[in-house]
Amino acid sequence: MDELIAQVQQQIYRLTDLHEEMTGIMVTETSPDGSMTVEVDGNAALAGLSFTSAITRLSPEAFEKTLVETAQAAAHQAISRRAEMINTFNSQSTR
């Protein structure tokens, strides 16, 4: 029984560590032209957005396209990091 309790406690500690790692994810992506920087968290939610004076050279359509593409790139990185963490956790759990 003690061994089972120890295993469960270890799993709880590992889950807690995973949760902390995942909530610590922050990804920053800057557009290729340097006009904007997007920051997202581990859920791919927008956490920060900044612009440089280079946005004045963008048409409204180019601004929108650049913003969406930059945000998508940041979100993709965040979700990829999260997936790597989950895959590592799962592979260690099956040992």
N, C-alpha and C. Protein backbone atom coordinates (compact mmCIF):
# COMPACT_ATOMS: atom_id res chain seq x y z
N MET A 1 0.82 -1.19 0.00
CA MET A 1 0.00 0.00 0.00
C MET A 1 0.87 1.26 0.00
N ASP A 2 1.96 1.24 0.78
CA ASP A 2 2.85 2.40 0.83
C ASP A 2 3.46 2.69 -0.54
N GLU A 3 3.79 1.62 -1.25
CA GLU A 3 4.36 1.79 -2.59
C GLU A 3 3.36 2.46 -3.53
N LEU A 4 2.12 2.06 -3.47
CA LEU A 4 1.07 2.65 -4.30
C LEU A 4 0.90 4.13 -3.97
N ILE A 5 0.88 4.46 -2.71
CA ILE A 5 0.74 5.85 -2.29
C ILE A 5 1.93 6.67 -2.80
N ALA A 6 3.11 6.12 -2.71
CA ALA A 6 4.31 6.81 -3.19
C ALA A 6 4.23 7.05 -4.70
N GLN A 7 3.73 6.07 -5.45
CA GLN A 7 3.59 6.22 -6.91
C GLN A 7 2.59 7.31 -7.24
N VAL A 8 1.47 7.34 -6.53
CA VAL A 8 0.45 8.35 -6.77
C VAL A 8 1.00 9.74 -6.44
N GLN A 9 1.71 9.86 -5.34
CA GLN A 9 2.31 11.14 -4.97
C GLN A 9 3.31 11.60 -6.03
N GLN A 10 4.08 10.66 -6.54
CA GLN A 10 5.05 11.01 -7.58
C GLN A 10 4.33 11.52 -8.83
N GLN A 11 3.24 10.89 -9.21
CA GLN A 11 2.47 11.33 -10.37
C GLN A 11 1.90 12.73 -10.14
N ILE A 12 1.43 12.98 -8.93
CA ILE A 12 0.90 14.30 -8.61
C ILE A 12 2.00 15.35 -8.73
N TYR A 13 3.18 15.05 -8.23
CA TYR A 13 4.30 15.98 -8.34
C TYR A 13 4.65 16.23 -9.80
N ARG A 14 4.65 15.18 -10.59
CA ARG A 14 4.97 15.32 -12.02
C ARG A 14 3.91 16.16 -12.73
N LEU A 15 2.63 15.94 -12.39
CA LEU A 15 1.55 16.73 -12.99
C LEU A 15 1.67 18.20 -12.60
N THR A 16 2.01 18.43 -11.35
CA THR A 16 2.20 19.81 -10.88
C THR A 16 3.35 20.47 -11.64
N ASP A 17 4.45 19.75 -11.81
CA ASP A 17 5.59 20.28 -12.56
C ASP A 17 5.19 20.59 -14.00
N LEU A 18 4.45 19.68 -14.63
CA LEU A 18 4.00 19.89 -16.00
C LEU A 18 3.13 21.14 -16.08
N HIS A 19 2.21 21.27 -15.16
CA HIS A 19 1.33 22.44 -15.15
C HIS A 19 2.14 23.73 -15.03
N GLU A 20 3.11 23.75 -14.13
CA GLU A 20 3.94 24.93 -13.95
C GLU A 20 4.75 25.24 -15.20
N GLU A 21 5.29 24.22 -15.84
CA GLU A 21 6.05 24.42 -17.07
C GLU A 21 5.15 24.99 -18.16
N MET A 22 3.95 24.44 -18.28
CA MET A 22 3.04 24.88 -19.34
C MET A 22 2.54 26.30 -19.11
N THR A 23 2.30 26.67 -17.85
CA THR A 23 1.85 28.04 -17.59
C THR A 23 2.99 29.04 -17.74
N GLY A 24 4.21 28.55 -17.76
CA GLY A 24 5.37 29.43 -17.94
C GLY A 24 5.72 29.70 -19.39
N ILE A 25 5.02 29.07 -20.31
CA ILE A 25 5.34 29.28 -21.72
C ILE A 25 4.96 30.69 -22.14
N MET A 26 5.90 31.38 -22.75
CA MET A 26 5.67 32.68 -23.38
C MET A 26 6.51 32.70 -24.65
N VAL A 27 5.86 32.99 -25.74
CA VAL A 27 6.56 33.01 -27.03
C VAL A 27 6.44 34.40 -27.63
N THR A 28 7.55 34.92 -28.10
CA THR A 28 7.59 36.22 -28.77
C THR A 28 7.99 36.01 -30.21
N GLU A 29 7.24 36.61 -31.11
CA GLU A 29 7.52 36.51 -32.54
C GLU A 29 7.49 37.91 -33.13
N THR A 30 8.51 38.23 -33.90
CA THR A 30 8.58 39.53 -34.58
C THR A 30 8.36 39.31 -36.07
N SER A 31 7.59 40.19 -36.67
CA SER A 31 7.32 40.08 -38.10
C SER A 31 8.62 40.22 -38.89
N PRO A 32 8.67 39.63 -40.08
CA PRO A 32 9.90 39.70 -40.89
C PRO A 32 10.37 41.14 -41.17
N ASP A 33 9.42 42.06 -41.30
CA ASP A 33 9.80 43.45 -41.59
C ASP A 33 10.10 44.25 -40.32
N GLY A 34 9.94 43.61 -39.15
CA GLY A 34 10.23 44.26 -37.89
C GLY A 34 9.20 45.27 -37.43
N SER A 35 8.06 45.30 -38.10
CA SER A 35 7.05 46.31 -37.76
C SER A 35 6.25 45.99 -36.51
N MET A 36 6.20 44.71 -36.13
CA MET A 36 5.41 44.35 -34.95
C MET A 36 5.96 43.12 -34.27
N THR A 37 5.69 43.04 -32.98
CA THR A 37 6.07 41.89 -32.18
C THR A 37 4.85 41.43 -31.41
N VAL A 38 4.61 40.13 -31.47
CA VAL A 38 3.46 39.52 -30.80
C VAL A 38 3.98 38.56 -29.74
N GLU A 39 3.36 38.60 -28.57
CA GLU A 39 3.70 37.66 -27.51
C GLU A 39 2.45 36.88 -27.13
N VAL A 40 2.58 35.56 -27.05
CA VAL A 40 1.46 34.70 -26.66
C VAL A 40 1.89 33.79 -25.52
N ASP A 41 0.90 33.33 -24.76
CA ASP A 41 1.19 32.40 -23.67
C ASP A 41 1.04 30.96 -24.16
N GLY A 42 1.11 30.03 -23.24
CA GLY A 42 1.06 28.61 -23.58
C GLY A 42 -0.26 28.14 -24.15
N ASN A 43 -1.30 28.95 -23.99
CA ASN A 43 -2.60 28.63 -24.58
C ASN A 43 -2.78 29.34 -25.92
N ALA A 44 -1.72 29.99 -26.39
CA ALA A 44 -1.72 30.76 -27.63
C ALA A 44 -2.59 32.01 -27.52
N ALA A 45 -2.83 32.46 -26.29
CA ALA A 45 -3.60 33.69 -26.08
C ALA A 45 -2.66 34.88 -26.14
N LEU A 46 -3.12 35.94 -26.75
CA LEU A 46 -2.32 37.14 -26.88
C LEU A 46 -1.97 37.71 -25.51
N ALA A 47 -0.68 37.92 -25.29
CA ALA A 47 -0.20 38.45 -24.01
C ALA A 47 0.48 39.80 -24.19
N GLY A 48 0.88 40.10 -25.41
CA GLY A 48 1.54 41.38 -25.67
C GLY A 48 1.58 41.66 -27.16
N LEU A 49 1.57 42.94 -27.48
CA LEU A 49 1.60 43.37 -28.87
C LEU A 49 2.28 44.73 -28.92
N SER A 50 3.31 44.83 -29.73
CA SER A 50 3.99 46.12 -29.86
C SER A 50 4.30 46.39 -31.34
N PHE A 51 4.38 47.66 -31.64
CA PHE A 51 4.61 48.10 -33.02
C PHE A 51 5.81 49.04 -33.07
N THR A 52 6.45 49.04 -34.22
CA THR A 52 7.51 50.02 -34.47
C THR A 52 6.98 51.02 -35.48
N SER A 53 7.76 52.03 -35.74
CA SER A 53 7.33 53.04 -36.72
C SER A 53 7.21 52.45 -38.12
N ALA A 54 7.72 51.26 -38.34
CA ALA A 54 7.63 50.61 -39.65
C ALA A 54 6.18 50.33 -40.05
N ILE A 55 5.25 50.33 -39.10
CA ILE A 55 3.85 50.08 -39.48
C ILE A 55 3.29 51.21 -40.32
N THR A 56 3.91 52.38 -40.26
CA THR A 56 3.40 53.51 -41.05
C THR A 56 3.57 53.28 -42.55
N ARG A 57 4.43 52.35 -42.91
CA ARG A 57 4.66 52.05 -44.32
C ARG A 57 3.73 50.94 -44.83
N LEU A 58 2.92 50.38 -43.94
CA LEU A 58 2.02 49.29 -44.32
C LEU A 58 0.64 49.81 -44.67
N SER A 59 0.08 49.25 -45.73
CA SER A 59 -1.32 49.53 -46.03
C SER A 59 -2.17 48.82 -44.98
N PRO A 60 -3.44 49.18 -44.86
CA PRO A 60 -4.29 48.46 -43.90
C PRO A 60 -4.32 46.95 -44.16
N GLU A 61 -4.34 46.57 -45.42
CA GLU A 61 -4.36 45.15 -45.77
C GLU A 61 -3.06 44.47 -45.37
N ALA A 62 -1.94 45.13 -45.64
CA ALA A 62 -0.64 44.57 -45.29
C ALA A 62 -0.48 44.51 -43.77
N PHE A 63 -0.97 45.52 -43.08
CA PHE A 63 -0.93 45.52 -41.62
C PHE A 63 -1.69 44.32 -41.08
N GLU A 64 -2.90 44.12 -41.56
CA GLU A 64 -3.73 42.99 -41.10
C GLU A 64 -3.05 41.66 -41.40
N LYS A 65 -2.54 41.51 -42.61
CA LYS A 65 -1.90 40.26 -43.00
C LYS A 65 -0.66 40.00 -42.14
N THR A 66 0.15 41.01 -41.93
CA THR A 66 1.36 40.86 -41.13
C THR A 66 1.02 40.51 -39.69
N LEU A 67 0.01 41.18 -39.14
CA LEU A 67 -0.39 40.90 -37.77
C LEU A 67 -0.89 39.46 -37.61
N VAL A 68 -1.75 39.04 -38.51
CA VAL A 68 -2.30 37.68 -38.43
C VAL A 68 -1.19 36.64 -38.60
N GLU A 69 -0.32 36.82 -39.58
CA GLU A 69 0.75 35.85 -39.81
C GLU A 69 1.74 35.79 -38.64
N THR A 70 2.04 36.93 -38.05
CA THR A 70 2.97 36.96 -36.92
C THR A 70 2.34 36.30 -35.70
N ALA A 71 1.07 36.60 -35.46
CA ALA A 71 0.35 35.98 -34.34
C ALA A 71 0.22 34.48 -34.55
N GLN A 72 -0.05 34.05 -35.76
CA GLN A 72 -0.14 32.61 -36.04
C GLN A 72 1.20 31.92 -35.80
N ALA A 73 2.29 32.54 -36.20
CA ALA A 73 3.61 31.95 -35.99
C ALA A 73 3.90 31.80 -34.50
N ALA A 74 3.57 32.83 -33.71
CA ALA A 74 3.79 32.76 -32.27
C ALA A 74 2.92 31.67 -31.65
N ALA A 75 1.65 31.62 -32.05
CA ALA A 75 0.73 30.61 -31.51
C ALA A 75 1.20 29.21 -31.86
N HIS A 76 1.68 29.03 -33.07
CA HIS A 76 2.17 27.72 -33.48
C HIS A 76 3.35 27.28 -32.61
N GLN A 77 4.27 28.20 -32.34
CA GLN A 77 5.41 27.87 -31.49
C GLN A 77 4.96 27.50 -30.08
N ALA A 78 4.01 28.27 -29.55
CA ALA A 78 3.53 28.01 -28.18
C ALA A 78 2.86 26.65 -28.09
N ILE A 79 2.01 26.33 -29.04
CA ILE A 79 1.32 25.04 -29.03
C ILE A 79 2.31 23.90 -29.25
N SER A 80 3.32 24.13 -30.08
CA SER A 80 4.34 23.10 -30.30
C SER A 80 5.13 22.83 -29.02
N ARG A 81 5.49 23.88 -28.30
CA ARG A 81 6.20 23.69 -27.03
C ARG A 81 5.34 22.92 -26.04
N ARG A 82 4.08 23.29 -25.99
CA ARG A 82 3.15 22.62 -25.08
C ARG A 82 3.03 21.14 -25.44
N ALA A 83 2.93 20.85 -26.73
CA ALA A 83 2.82 19.46 -27.18
C ALA A 83 4.07 18.67 -26.84
N GLU A 84 5.24 19.28 -26.99
CA GLU A 84 6.50 18.60 -26.62
C GLU A 84 6.50 18.25 -25.14
N MET A 85 6.05 19.18 -24.32
CA MET A 85 6.01 18.92 -22.87
C MET A 85 5.07 17.76 -22.54
N ILE A 86 3.92 17.76 -23.18
CA ILE A 86 2.94 16.70 -22.93
C ILE A 86 3.47 15.36 -23.42
N ASN A 87 4.09 15.36 -24.59
CA ASN A 87 4.65 14.11 -25.13
C ASN A 87 5.75 13.57 -24.22
N THR A 88 6.59 14.45 -23.71
CA THR A 88 7.65 14.03 -22.79
C THR A 88 7.04 13.45 -21.52
N PHE A 89 6.05 14.14 -20.98
CA PHE A 89 5.37 13.67 -19.78
C PHE A 89 4.76 12.29 -20.02
N ASN A 90 4.07 12.13 -21.14
CA ASN A 90 3.42 10.85 -21.45
C ASN A 90 4.43 9.74 -21.65
N SER A 91 5.54 10.03 -22.32
CA SER A 91 6.53 8.98 -22.55
C SER A 91 7.18 8.56 -21.24
N GLN A 92 7.35 9.47 -20.31
CA GLN A 92 7.93 9.14 -19.03
C GLN A 92 6.92 8.40 -18.15
N SER A 93 5.65 8.61 -18.39
CA SER A 93 4.61 7.95 -17.59
C SER A 93 4.42 6.49 -17.96
N THR A 94 4.80 6.14 -19.18
CA THR A 94 4.59 4.77 -19.65
C THR A 94 5.78 3.86 -19.34
N ARG A 95 6.78 4.39 -18.69
CA ARG A 95 7.96 3.58 -18.37
C ARG A 95 7.70 2.71 -17.17
